[in-house]
């Protein structure tokens, strides 16, 4: 079967049932105690609900680990997603495995019955169906929450269901940390598979480049330990390739000595002189960052309560007050300053406070060359672009700018070889642009999405005209209308497809797990305004 011929995959699954039954038996799971031969050979149809069968079988075997519709637990579970769009999704049932073997069992079961599924780590995505699925089986990895530091404190085993604040709380008293998320309740799994930017990335690279090995359940039910020496092609693919190759149940991460940080934010008014000074400071920091990789910076333009302001998040990975690398920001008159010596968990909780649960969310991103005029254009486009949605109830639009230095990109190949992201250090330094928005009501979805799409489209169009557009789209910031894997470049996309063909020849993770960013195209190929292409 050709990999692109996805429509032929469901019919072919039926011929594989014998192998699936045998593999399940190896895990001590007797299919025929729960499913009749007649049910196994039925194609999915209006007369036969294979998802109901899957949920029933899971309940019969793992009653305490299944959450079903109509129960109080189901309502609570749905409320725990970050975005309102994700909370609105109603799976047929939720399964909470407690081991990789149970992940293998549920994966083989849904594959055999040909019902759709999703996998949830932290649930911190901005659009529906990313880590839950309507009328399918959602596999919630929250019980896979091991955090086990090695005796020499150089590596840590982290279950895929952990939140980053839990990892940091465990490691901080031991004087070490892992390269991971910056918002407390982001899940380990999603961040790592999409690349992962950290306060420590200038020192150690993307989070995915600090994975020593992955524990992965692949489509045929095998539990693989994937490293640069064992399954090297799959190891490469998992570092940025998303959920397209298997279900990662555990990450073995490198750890580094770490203590308190000097961190917080400085708030500035948006007048012409201050705006120009802040943007100049961002450019200066971008070029000087390699001289002091302990420094991290995010520059935000925010519209709130009828006014714009700038909030610059600064982090220094040692407890050093006012390091020289941040001097340009210190000199600019500020409205407020929360800089202080803090623990890493405290910093991530502060980030969480400005990313609350329960609102509607949309993220859009692009990457451009670091340039003063390009940065100024991006900021001005944002300020002009939010004008049509200023009166939307609960609206909170933000644009954020971060630096990807050549040194940071180059660190991807220094440790375990290149990752799948397709970034070239010779093209740096780069500016990662994020346009994000929160709002209250579904009734305003169309207006908000059109406005935000218009902002990112104008930035990309201008960058392309200046020959400053970089194709890279960061998965963890992308909208459902953006084609992430394609942005890694034709060679990397082709190689990712080849890896998927090897480990998932029946396209289980392309057809039965349709959510999030697949290997071809955007999750939603219909952008909200006609001038946008799906390649945005």
Protein backbone atom coordinates (compact mmCIF):
# COMPACT_ATOMS: atom_id res chain seq x y z
CA UNK A 1 0.00 0.00 0.00
CA UNK A 2 1.33 3.44 -0.86
CA UNK A 3 1.65 5.59 2.24
CA UNK A 4 -0.37 8.40 0.73
CA UNK A 5 -3.27 6.08 -0.15
CA UNK A 6 -4.78 6.50 3.29
CA UNK A 7 -8.32 5.54 2.29
CA UNK A 8 -7.27 1.97 1.62
CA UNK A 9 -5.92 1.46 5.14
CA UNK A 10 -9.18 0.55 6.99
CA UNK A 11 -10.00 -2.42 4.78
CA UNK A 12 -6.52 -3.84 5.13
CA UNK A 13 -6.71 -3.77 8.92
CA UNK A 14 -9.12 -6.72 8.89
CA UNK A 15 -6.46 -9.07 7.51
CA UNK A 16 -4.18 -8.21 10.42
CA UNK A 17 -6.55 -9.30 13.17
CA UNK A 18 -4.90 -12.66 13.70
CA UNK A 19 -1.54 -11.05 14.46
CA UNK A 20 -3.24 -8.56 16.77
CA UNK A 21 -5.05 -11.31 18.66
CA UNK A 22 -1.76 -13.17 19.13
CA UNK A 23 0.06 -10.05 20.34
CA UNK A 24 -2.73 -9.26 22.80
CA UNK A 25 -2.46 -12.82 24.11
CA UNK A 26 1.20 -12.12 24.79
CA UNK A 27 0.09 -9.31 27.07
CA UNK A 28 -2.27 -11.71 28.86
CA UNK A 29 -5.36 -10.30 27.14
CA UNK A 30 -7.79 -12.88 25.69
CA UNK A 31 -9.82 -11.04 23.08
CA UNK A 32 -12.41 -13.79 22.69
CA UNK A 33 -13.50 -13.47 26.31
CA UNK A 34 -14.95 -10.10 25.36
CA UNK A 35 -15.38 -9.87 21.60
CA UNK A 36 -17.06 -12.42 19.33
CA UNK A 37 -15.52 -13.49 16.06
CA UNK A 38 -18.51 -11.92 14.34
CA UNK A 39 -17.67 -8.53 15.88
CA UNK A 40 -14.04 -8.79 14.81
CA UNK A 41 -14.89 -9.19 11.16
CA UNK A 42 -17.52 -6.46 11.01
CA UNK A 43 -16.57 -3.30 9.14
CA UNK A 44 -17.47 -0.08 10.92
CA UNK A 45 -21.03 0.79 9.92
CA UNK A 46 -24.23 2.36 11.16
CA UNK A 47 -25.35 -1.09 12.32
CA UNK A 48 -22.25 -1.85 14.33
CA UNK A 49 -20.60 0.59 16.73
CA UNK A 50 -17.05 -0.66 17.19
CA UNK A 51 -16.21 2.22 19.53
CA UNK A 52 -18.95 1.12 21.91
CA UNK A 53 -17.45 -2.36 21.80
CA UNK A 54 -13.99 -0.99 22.60
CA UNK A 55 -15.32 1.01 25.56
CA UNK A 56 -17.25 -2.01 26.83
CA UNK A 57 -14.18 -4.27 26.64
CA UNK A 58 -12.05 -1.67 28.44
CA UNK A 59 -14.68 -1.36 31.19
CA UNK A 60 -14.81 -5.13 31.62
CA UNK A 61 -11.05 -5.35 32.06
CA UNK A 62 -10.06 -2.04 33.65
CA UNK A 63 -13.22 -0.78 35.31
CA UNK A 64 -11.48 1.72 37.63
CA UNK A 65 -9.48 3.17 34.75
CA UNK A 66 -12.32 3.97 32.33
CA UNK A 67 -14.35 7.17 32.38
CA UNK A 68 -17.66 7.02 30.53
CA UNK A 69 -20.20 9.58 29.37
CA UNK A 70 -22.87 10.70 31.81
CA UNK A 71 -20.72 10.31 34.94
CA UNK A 72 -19.46 13.08 37.25
CA UNK A 73 -15.89 11.95 36.53
CA UNK A 74 -16.47 12.53 32.82
CA UNK A 75 -17.59 16.11 33.44
CA UNK A 76 -14.58 16.81 35.67
CA UNK A 77 -12.20 15.22 33.16
CA UNK A 78 -13.45 17.39 30.29
CA UNK A 79 -13.04 20.53 32.39
CA UNK A 80 -9.32 19.93 32.85
CA UNK A 81 -8.24 20.92 29.35
CA UNK A 82 -6.57 24.27 28.84
CA UNK A 83 -8.70 25.57 25.96
CA UNK A 84 -12.46 25.70 25.82
CA UNK A 85 -12.39 24.16 22.34
CA UNK A 86 -10.72 21.03 23.71
CA UNK A 87 -13.09 20.80 26.68
CA UNK A 88 -16.07 20.76 24.33
CA UNK A 89 -14.94 17.52 22.67
CA UNK A 90 -16.89 14.47 23.88
CA UNK A 91 -15.11 11.12 23.50
CA UNK A 92 -17.12 7.92 23.84
CA UNK A 93 -14.90 6.94 26.76
CA UNK A 94 -11.57 7.77 28.35
CA UNK A 95 -9.00 5.12 29.27
CA UNK A 96 -6.27 5.86 31.83
CA UNK A 97 -3.53 3.21 31.46
CA UNK A 98 -1.09 2.62 34.29
CA UNK A 99 1.64 0.91 32.25
CA UNK A 100 3.11 0.77 28.78
CA UNK A 101 1.67 -2.75 28.43
CA UNK A 102 -1.83 -1.36 28.97
CA UNK A 103 -1.13 1.30 26.34
CA UNK A 104 -0.21 -1.50 23.95
CA UNK A 105 -3.42 -3.37 24.78
CA UNK A 106 -5.69 -0.39 24.14
CA UNK A 107 -3.81 0.53 20.97
CA UNK A 108 -4.19 -2.99 19.58
CA UNK A 109 -7.84 -3.12 20.64
CA UNK A 110 -8.84 0.11 18.87
CA UNK A 111 -6.79 -0.94 15.87
CA UNK A 112 -8.48 -4.35 15.67
CA UNK A 113 -11.96 -2.84 16.04
CA UNK A 114 -11.05 0.05 13.77
CA UNK A 115 -12.29 2.84 16.00
CA UNK A 116 -10.70 6.25 16.20
CA UNK A 117 -8.65 7.35 19.20
CA UNK A 118 -6.60 10.20 20.59
CA UNK A 119 -3.79 10.46 23.13
CA UNK A 120 -3.64 13.08 25.90
CA UNK A 121 -0.59 14.07 27.91
CA UNK A 122 -1.28 17.51 29.40
CA UNK A 123 -4.11 18.68 27.14
CA UNK A 124 -2.53 22.10 26.59
CA UNK A 125 -3.44 22.61 22.92
CA UNK A 126 -5.41 25.50 21.49
CA UNK A 127 -7.77 23.72 19.10
CA UNK A 128 -10.31 20.92 19.27
CA UNK A 129 -9.39 17.25 18.71
CA UNK A 130 -5.69 17.80 19.42
CA UNK A 131 -5.68 15.35 22.34
CA UNK A 132 -9.29 14.24 22.56
CA UNK A 133 -11.67 12.91 19.94
CA UNK A 134 -15.45 13.09 19.47
CA UNK A 135 -17.15 9.70 19.86
CA UNK A 136 -13.82 7.87 19.95
CA UNK A 137 -11.50 6.53 22.66
CA UNK A 138 -9.22 9.03 24.36
CA UNK A 139 -6.13 7.47 25.95
CA UNK A 140 -5.19 9.71 28.87
CA UNK A 141 -1.58 9.12 29.95
CA UNK A 142 -1.96 11.00 33.24
CA UNK A 143 -1.31 7.88 35.35
CA UNK A 144 2.06 7.37 33.64
CA UNK A 145 3.66 9.83 36.03
CA UNK A 146 6.97 8.27 37.00
CA UNK A 147 9.80 10.69 37.86
CA UNK A 148 12.94 8.69 38.63
CA UNK A 149 16.32 10.43 38.95
CA UNK A 150 19.44 8.34 38.37
CA UNK A 151 21.85 7.84 41.27
CA UNK A 152 24.46 10.07 39.62
CA UNK A 153 21.81 12.76 38.92
CA UNK A 154 22.65 13.00 35.22
CA UNK A 155 19.38 11.62 33.82
CA UNK A 156 15.77 11.23 34.80
CA UNK A 157 12.99 8.90 33.62
CA UNK A 158 9.80 10.90 33.18
CA UNK A 159 6.41 9.38 32.42
CA UNK A 160 4.61 10.99 29.50
CA UNK A 161 1.63 11.95 31.66
CA UNK A 162 3.56 14.33 33.90
CA UNK A 163 3.15 18.09 33.96
CA UNK A 164 6.38 20.07 33.89
CA UNK A 165 5.85 21.70 37.27
CA UNK A 166 5.75 18.23 38.85
CA UNK A 167 9.03 17.32 37.17
CA UNK A 168 10.68 20.53 38.36
CA UNK A 169 9.33 20.16 41.90
CA UNK A 170 10.87 16.71 42.07
CA UNK A 171 14.24 17.72 40.64
CA UNK A 172 14.78 21.15 42.24
CA UNK A 173 15.62 19.85 45.75
CA UNK A 174 18.28 17.62 44.14
CA UNK A 175 19.98 20.61 42.52
CA UNK A 176 19.27 19.60 38.91
CA UNK A 177 16.74 20.26 36.18
CA UNK A 178 15.65 18.98 32.78
CA UNK A 179 15.19 21.03 29.64
CA UNK A 180 11.43 21.36 29.43
CA UNK A 181 8.34 23.54 29.41
CA UNK A 182 7.94 27.07 30.74
CA UNK A 183 4.27 26.91 31.76
CA UNK A 184 3.58 24.84 34.89
CA UNK A 185 0.79 22.59 33.63
CA UNK A 186 2.00 21.87 30.10
CA UNK A 187 2.29 18.12 29.59
CA UNK A 188 5.66 16.48 29.07
CA UNK A 189 4.59 14.43 26.03
CA UNK A 190 3.24 17.12 23.71
CA UNK A 191 6.00 19.61 24.38
CA UNK A 192 8.80 17.11 23.75
CA UNK A 193 7.38 15.67 20.52
CA UNK A 194 6.89 19.14 19.03
CA UNK A 195 10.46 20.30 19.73
CA UNK A 196 10.20 22.19 23.00
CA UNK A 197 11.70 25.59 23.86
CA UNK A 198 12.99 26.08 27.40
CA UNK A 199 14.57 28.72 29.60
CA UNK A 200 17.67 26.55 29.17
CA UNK A 201 17.53 26.17 25.38
CA UNK A 202 20.30 28.69 24.71
CA UNK A 203 22.54 26.50 26.87
CA UNK A 204 21.39 23.04 25.85
CA UNK A 205 19.20 23.28 22.74
CA UNK A 206 15.59 22.28 22.17
CA UNK A 207 13.97 20.07 24.79
CA UNK A 208 13.71 17.20 22.30
CA UNK A 209 17.48 17.25 21.84
CA UNK A 210 17.95 16.40 25.49
CA UNK A 211 16.08 13.09 25.29
CA UNK A 212 18.50 10.20 25.78
CA UNK A 213 15.86 7.66 24.79
CA UNK A 214 12.12 7.18 24.33
CA UNK A 215 9.88 4.33 25.41
CA UNK A 216 7.36 4.00 22.57
CA UNK A 217 4.42 1.72 21.83
CA UNK A 218 4.28 1.31 18.06
CA UNK A 219 1.36 0.23 15.89
CA UNK A 220 2.02 -3.53 16.07
CA UNK A 221 1.98 -3.44 19.89
CA UNK A 222 5.72 -3.66 20.49
CA UNK A 223 7.21 -1.55 23.28
CA UNK A 224 10.44 -0.12 21.88
CA UNK A 225 13.32 1.62 23.62
CA UNK A 226 14.40 4.17 21.06
CA UNK A 227 17.79 5.90 21.18
CA UNK A 228 20.48 7.09 18.75
CA UNK A 229 21.86 3.53 18.70
CA UNK A 230 18.58 1.62 18.88
CA UNK A 231 16.06 2.53 16.15
CA UNK A 232 18.00 5.67 15.14
CA UNK A 233 15.58 6.69 12.38
CA UNK A 234 12.65 6.60 14.78
CA UNK A 235 14.70 8.50 17.37
CA UNK A 236 15.29 11.22 14.80
CA UNK A 237 11.59 11.34 13.82
CA UNK A 238 10.28 11.59 17.38
CA UNK A 239 12.30 14.77 17.93
CA UNK A 240 9.83 17.16 16.32
CA UNK A 241 7.65 14.76 14.33
CA UNK A 242 4.71 14.81 16.72
CA UNK A 243 2.26 11.95 17.32
CA UNK A 244 2.77 10.23 13.96
CA UNK A 245 4.88 7.21 14.90
CA UNK A 246 3.63 5.67 18.13
CA UNK A 247 2.56 6.47 21.67
CA UNK A 248 5.51 7.63 23.76
CA UNK A 249 5.04 6.46 27.34
CA UNK A 250 8.33 7.51 28.92
CA UNK A 251 11.21 9.90 28.26
CA UNK A 252 14.74 9.38 29.54
CA UNK A 253 16.03 12.94 29.82
CA UNK A 254 19.45 14.46 30.39
CA UNK A 255 19.64 16.55 33.57
CA UNK A 256 21.89 19.48 34.40
CA UNK A 257 22.98 21.25 37.61
CA UNK A 258 20.53 24.05 38.35
CA UNK A 259 19.33 26.26 41.16
CA UNK A 260 17.29 29.44 41.48
CA UNK A 261 16.77 31.86 38.60
CA UNK A 262 16.56 35.62 38.38
CA UNK A 263 13.30 36.01 36.52
CA UNK A 264 10.13 38.00 36.05
CA UNK A 265 8.76 40.64 33.70
CA UNK A 266 9.14 44.31 32.98
CA UNK A 267 6.10 46.24 31.78
CA UNK A 268 6.42 49.18 29.39
CA UNK A 269 3.99 51.70 27.91
CA UNK A 270 3.50 51.59 24.16
CA UNK A 271 4.49 55.04 22.98
CA UNK A 272 6.69 55.52 19.94
CA UNK A 273 9.95 56.20 21.77
CA UNK A 274 9.50 53.38 24.29
CA UNK A 275 8.35 50.92 21.63
CA UNK A 276 11.38 51.72 19.50
CA UNK A 277 13.70 51.32 22.50
CA UNK A 278 12.22 47.95 23.47
CA UNK A 279 12.39 46.59 19.93
CA UNK A 280 15.99 47.78 19.63
CA UNK A 281 16.74 45.98 22.91
CA UNK A 282 15.21 42.79 21.51
CA UNK A 283 17.42 42.98 18.42
CA UNK A 284 20.49 43.73 20.52
CA UNK A 285 19.72 40.80 22.83
CA UNK A 286 19.27 38.52 19.81
CA UNK A 287 22.71 39.29 18.48
CA UNK A 288 24.45 39.23 21.87
CA UNK A 289 22.67 36.17 23.27
CA UNK A 290 25.42 33.70 22.27
CA UNK A 291 27.81 35.58 24.58
CA UNK A 292 25.68 34.64 27.59
CA UNK A 293 23.46 31.58 26.97
CA UNK A 294 22.15 31.66 30.54
CA UNK A 295 19.79 34.45 29.46
CA UNK A 296 16.31 33.98 27.96
CA UNK A 297 13.83 36.59 26.77
CA UNK A 298 10.27 36.81 25.45
CA UNK A 299 8.96 40.18 24.28
CA UNK A 300 5.15 40.47 24.33
CA UNK A 301 2.78 43.10 22.98
CA UNK A 302 -0.55 42.77 24.77
CA UNK A 303 -3.95 44.40 24.30
CA UNK A 304 -5.98 44.46 27.52
CA UNK A 305 -8.60 46.75 29.01
CA UNK A 306 -8.64 49.12 26.03
CA UNK A 307 -4.90 49.66 25.83
CA UNK A 308 -1.67 48.15 24.54
CA UNK A 309 1.37 47.51 26.68
CA UNK A 310 4.64 45.64 26.33
CA UNK A 311 5.65 42.90 28.76
CA UNK A 312 9.18 41.56 28.47
CA UNK A 313 9.80 38.26 30.26
CA UNK A 314 13.42 37.90 31.29
CA UNK A 315 15.00 34.80 32.79
CA UNK A 316 18.57 34.18 33.87
CA UNK A 317 19.37 30.61 34.86
CA UNK A 318 21.50 31.63 37.83
CA UNK A 319 20.50 33.86 40.79
CA UNK A 320 22.33 36.89 39.38
CA UNK A 321 20.54 40.24 39.63
CA UNK A 322 20.64 42.47 36.55
CA UNK A 323 23.19 40.58 34.44
CA UNK A 324 24.75 42.82 31.76
CA UNK A 325 22.99 40.96 28.92
CA UNK A 326 19.70 42.60 30.01
CA UNK A 327 21.11 46.11 30.48
CA UNK A 328 19.28 47.56 27.47
CA UNK A 329 15.90 46.59 28.95
CA UNK A 330 16.81 47.97 32.38
CA UNK A 331 17.54 51.41 30.98
CA UNK A 332 14.07 51.85 29.45
CA UNK A 333 11.46 53.52 31.74
CA UNK A 334 9.13 50.85 33.12
CA UNK A 335 5.57 50.82 34.44
CA UNK A 336 6.13 47.72 36.58
CA UNK A 337 8.90 45.24 37.39
CA UNK A 338 8.51 41.77 38.93
CA UNK A 339 12.13 40.65 38.54
CA UNK A 340 13.38 38.65 41.54
CA UNK A 341 15.24 35.52 42.58
CA UNK A 342 12.81 32.61 42.12
CA UNK A 343 12.72 28.84 41.87
CA UNK A 344 11.99 27.27 38.50
CA UNK A 345 8.59 25.95 39.68
CA UNK A 346 7.67 29.47 40.81
CA UNK A 347 8.54 30.91 37.41
CA UNK A 348 6.42 28.32 35.59
CA UNK A 349 3.48 29.04 37.89
CA UNK A 350 3.75 32.74 37.03
CA UNK A 351 3.57 31.82 33.34
CA UNK A 352 0.53 29.68 34.07
CA UNK A 353 -1.23 32.62 35.73
CA UNK A 354 -1.30 34.49 32.40
CA UNK A 355 -2.41 31.32 30.53
CA UNK A 356 -5.61 30.42 32.43
CA UNK A 357 -7.80 27.41 31.66
CA UNK A 358 -11.32 27.60 30.28
CA UNK A 359 -11.15 30.30 27.61
CA UNK A 360 -11.25 29.96 23.86
CA UNK A 361 -7.73 29.97 22.44
CA UNK A 362 -5.96 30.34 19.13
CA UNK A 363 -2.22 30.19 18.38
CA UNK A 364 -0.55 31.10 15.07
CA UNK A 365 3.14 31.27 14.33
CA UNK A 366 5.80 32.13 11.79
CA UNK A 367 9.57 32.41 11.69
CA UNK A 368 11.48 35.30 10.12
CA UNK A 369 15.02 36.56 10.01
CA UNK A 370 16.03 38.72 12.98
CA UNK A 371 15.84 42.27 11.63
CA UNK A 372 14.81 45.63 13.12
CA UNK A 373 12.48 46.65 10.30
CA UNK A 374 10.89 43.19 10.15
CA UNK A 375 10.29 43.14 13.92
CA UNK A 376 8.80 46.64 13.80
CA UNK A 377 6.50 45.63 10.95
CA UNK A 378 5.36 42.55 12.89
CA UNK A 379 4.56 44.62 16.00
CA UNK A 380 2.70 47.27 13.99
CA UNK A 381 0.74 44.62 12.07
CA UNK A 382 -0.39 43.10 15.35
CA UNK A 383 -1.52 46.44 16.79
CA UNK A 384 -3.44 47.29 13.63
CA UNK A 385 -4.79 43.78 13.18
CA UNK A 386 -6.56 43.56 16.52
CA UNK A 387 -8.63 46.67 15.81
CA UNK A 388 -11.65 44.71 14.45
CA UNK A 389 -11.87 42.50 17.56
CA UNK A 390 -11.19 45.00 20.34
CA UNK A 391 -14.79 44.82 21.55
CA UNK A 392 -15.09 41.03 21.59
CA UNK A 393 -16.03 39.94 25.14
CA UNK A 394 -13.06 38.60 27.10
CA UNK A 395 -10.63 39.37 24.29
CA UNK A 396 -6.93 39.20 25.15
CA UNK A 397 -4.68 39.25 22.06
CA UNK A 398 -0.91 38.93 22.42
CA UNK A 399 2.06 38.72 20.11
CA UNK A 400 5.33 37.27 21.38
CA UNK A 401 8.85 37.37 19.97
CA UNK A 402 11.64 34.96 20.82
CA UNK A 403 15.13 34.48 19.45
CA UNK A 404 16.41 31.27 17.88
CA UNK A 405 20.16 31.83 17.73
CA UNK A 406 22.49 29.93 15.45
CA UNK A 407 24.19 28.51 18.55
CA UNK A 408 20.89 27.22 19.91
CA UNK A 409 20.02 25.56 16.61
CA UNK A 410 23.50 24.10 16.27
CA UNK A 411 23.20 22.39 19.65
CA UNK A 412 20.66 20.05 18.05
CA UNK A 413 23.40 18.15 16.26
CA UNK A 414 26.13 18.35 18.90
CA UNK A 415 24.60 15.71 21.19
CA UNK A 416 22.58 13.11 19.36
CA UNK A 417 22.55 14.23 15.75
CA UNK A 418 20.09 16.50 13.95
CA UNK A 419 16.38 16.50 14.82
CA UNK A 420 13.45 16.54 12.40
CA UNK A 421 12.73 20.29 12.60
CA UNK A 422 14.79 21.24 9.56
CA UNK A 423 16.37 24.37 11.06
CA UNK A 424 19.77 25.37 9.70
CA UNK A 425 22.12 27.31 12.03
CA UNK A 426 23.51 29.15 9.00
CA UNK A 427 20.13 30.89 8.68
CA UNK A 428 20.15 32.31 12.21
CA UNK A 429 19.59 34.27 14.24
CA UNK A 430 15.86 33.89 13.68
CA UNK A 431 12.82 35.53 15.22
CA UNK A 432 10.01 33.20 16.28
CA UNK A 433 6.70 35.07 16.04
CA UNK A 434 3.64 33.93 17.97
CA UNK A 435 0.23 35.57 17.68
CA UNK A 436 -2.15 34.25 20.31
CA UNK A 437 -5.58 35.28 21.49
CA UNK A 438 -8.02 34.35 24.25
CA UNK A 439 -11.73 35.14 24.17
CA UNK A 440 -14.93 34.08 25.91
CA UNK A 441 -17.59 32.93 23.45
CA UNK A 442 -17.89 30.55 20.51
CA UNK A 443 -20.11 33.15 18.84
CA UNK A 444 -16.98 35.23 18.16
CA UNK A 445 -14.85 32.43 16.71
CA UNK A 446 -15.14 33.50 13.09
CA UNK A 447 -14.28 37.15 13.73
CA UNK A 448 -11.34 36.32 15.99
CA UNK A 449 -9.84 33.67 13.72
CA UNK A 450 -10.16 35.91 10.69
CA UNK A 451 -8.40 38.78 12.49
CA UNK A 452 -5.55 36.65 13.82
CA UNK A 453 -5.10 34.86 10.49
CA UNK A 454 -4.91 38.26 8.83
CA UNK A 455 -2.13 39.37 11.19
CA UNK A 456 0.06 36.32 10.61
CA UNK A 457 -0.63 36.43 6.87
CA UNK A 458 0.50 40.06 6.62
CA UNK A 459 3.72 39.27 8.52
CA UNK A 460 4.50 36.28 6.30
CA UNK A 461 3.72 38.21 3.14
CA UNK A 462 6.01 41.08 4.18
CA UNK A 463 8.79 38.73 5.25
CA UNK A 464 8.56 36.90 1.93
CA UNK A 465 8.79 40.18 -0.01
CA UNK A 466 11.92 41.10 1.97
CA UNK A 467 13.43 37.62 1.52
CA UNK A 468 13.30 37.22 5.30
CA UNK A 469 10.75 34.44 5.65
CA UNK A 470 11.94 31.13 7.09
CA UNK A 471 9.69 28.16 6.29
CA UNK A 472 9.88 26.68 9.82
CA UNK A 473 6.57 26.49 11.69
CA UNK A 474 6.95 25.57 15.36
CA UNK A 475 4.45 22.80 16.08
CA UNK A 476 3.71 23.82 19.65
CA UNK A 477 2.64 27.31 18.50
CA UNK A 478 0.89 26.41 15.24
CA UNK A 479 -2.78 26.81 14.41
CA UNK A 480 -4.90 24.02 12.98
CA UNK A 481 -4.70 25.79 9.62
CA UNK A 482 -0.91 25.53 9.35
CA UNK A 483 0.98 22.66 7.72
CA UNK A 484 3.77 22.02 10.22
CA UNK A 485 5.55 18.93 8.92
CA UNK A 486 5.73 20.35 5.41
CA UNK A 487 7.54 23.38 6.86
CA UNK A 488 10.45 21.16 7.90
CA UNK A 489 11.47 20.95 4.24
CA UNK A 490 10.83 18.39 1.48
CA UNK A 491 13.73 16.12 2.48
CA UNK A 492 12.69 15.95 6.14
CA UNK A 493 9.02 15.48 5.31
CA UNK A 494 9.89 12.63 2.94
CA UNK A 495 12.10 11.01 5.56
CA UNK A 496 9.40 11.32 8.22
CA UNK A 497 6.92 9.61 5.90
CA UNK A 498 9.43 6.82 5.28
CA UNK A 499 9.94 6.31 9.03
CA UNK A 500 6.17 6.19 9.54
CA UNK A 501 5.82 3.67 6.72
CA UNK A 502 8.40 1.43 8.43
CA UNK A 503 6.89 1.51 11.92
CA UNK A 504 3.23 2.00 10.97
CA UNK A 505 2.68 0.45 7.53
CA UNK A 506 -1.11 0.38 8.00
CA UNK A 507 -1.26 4.13 8.75
CA UNK A 508 -2.84 3.65 12.17
CA UNK A 509 -1.51 7.00 13.40
CA UNK A 510 -2.67 8.79 10.25
CA UNK A 511 -6.22 7.41 10.03
CA UNK A 512 -7.34 6.10 13.42
CA UNK A 513 -5.60 8.92 15.31
CA UNK A 514 -6.55 11.84 13.06
CA UNK A 515 -5.97 14.65 15.57
CA UNK A 516 -3.15 17.18 15.71
CA UNK A 517 -0.44 17.62 13.06
CA UNK A 518 -0.21 14.75 10.60
CA UNK A 519 2.53 14.14 8.04
CA UNK A 520 0.71 15.73 5.11
CA UNK A 521 -1.32 18.92 5.27
CA UNK A 522 -2.84 21.00 8.04
CA UNK A 523 -5.34 19.55 10.55
CA UNK A 524 -7.95 21.85 9.00
CA UNK A 525 -7.26 22.66 5.34
CA UNK A 526 -9.89 25.43 5.29
CA UNK A 527 -8.35 28.64 6.65
CA UNK A 528 -10.69 31.35 7.95
CA UNK A 529 -9.93 33.89 5.22
CA UNK A 530 -9.62 33.24 1.52
CA UNK A 531 -6.23 34.92 1.14
CA UNK A 532 -4.63 32.34 3.41
CA UNK A 533 -3.26 29.12 2.03
CA UNK A 534 -3.13 25.90 4.08
CA UNK A 535 0.67 26.19 3.95
CA UNK A 536 0.70 29.18 6.30
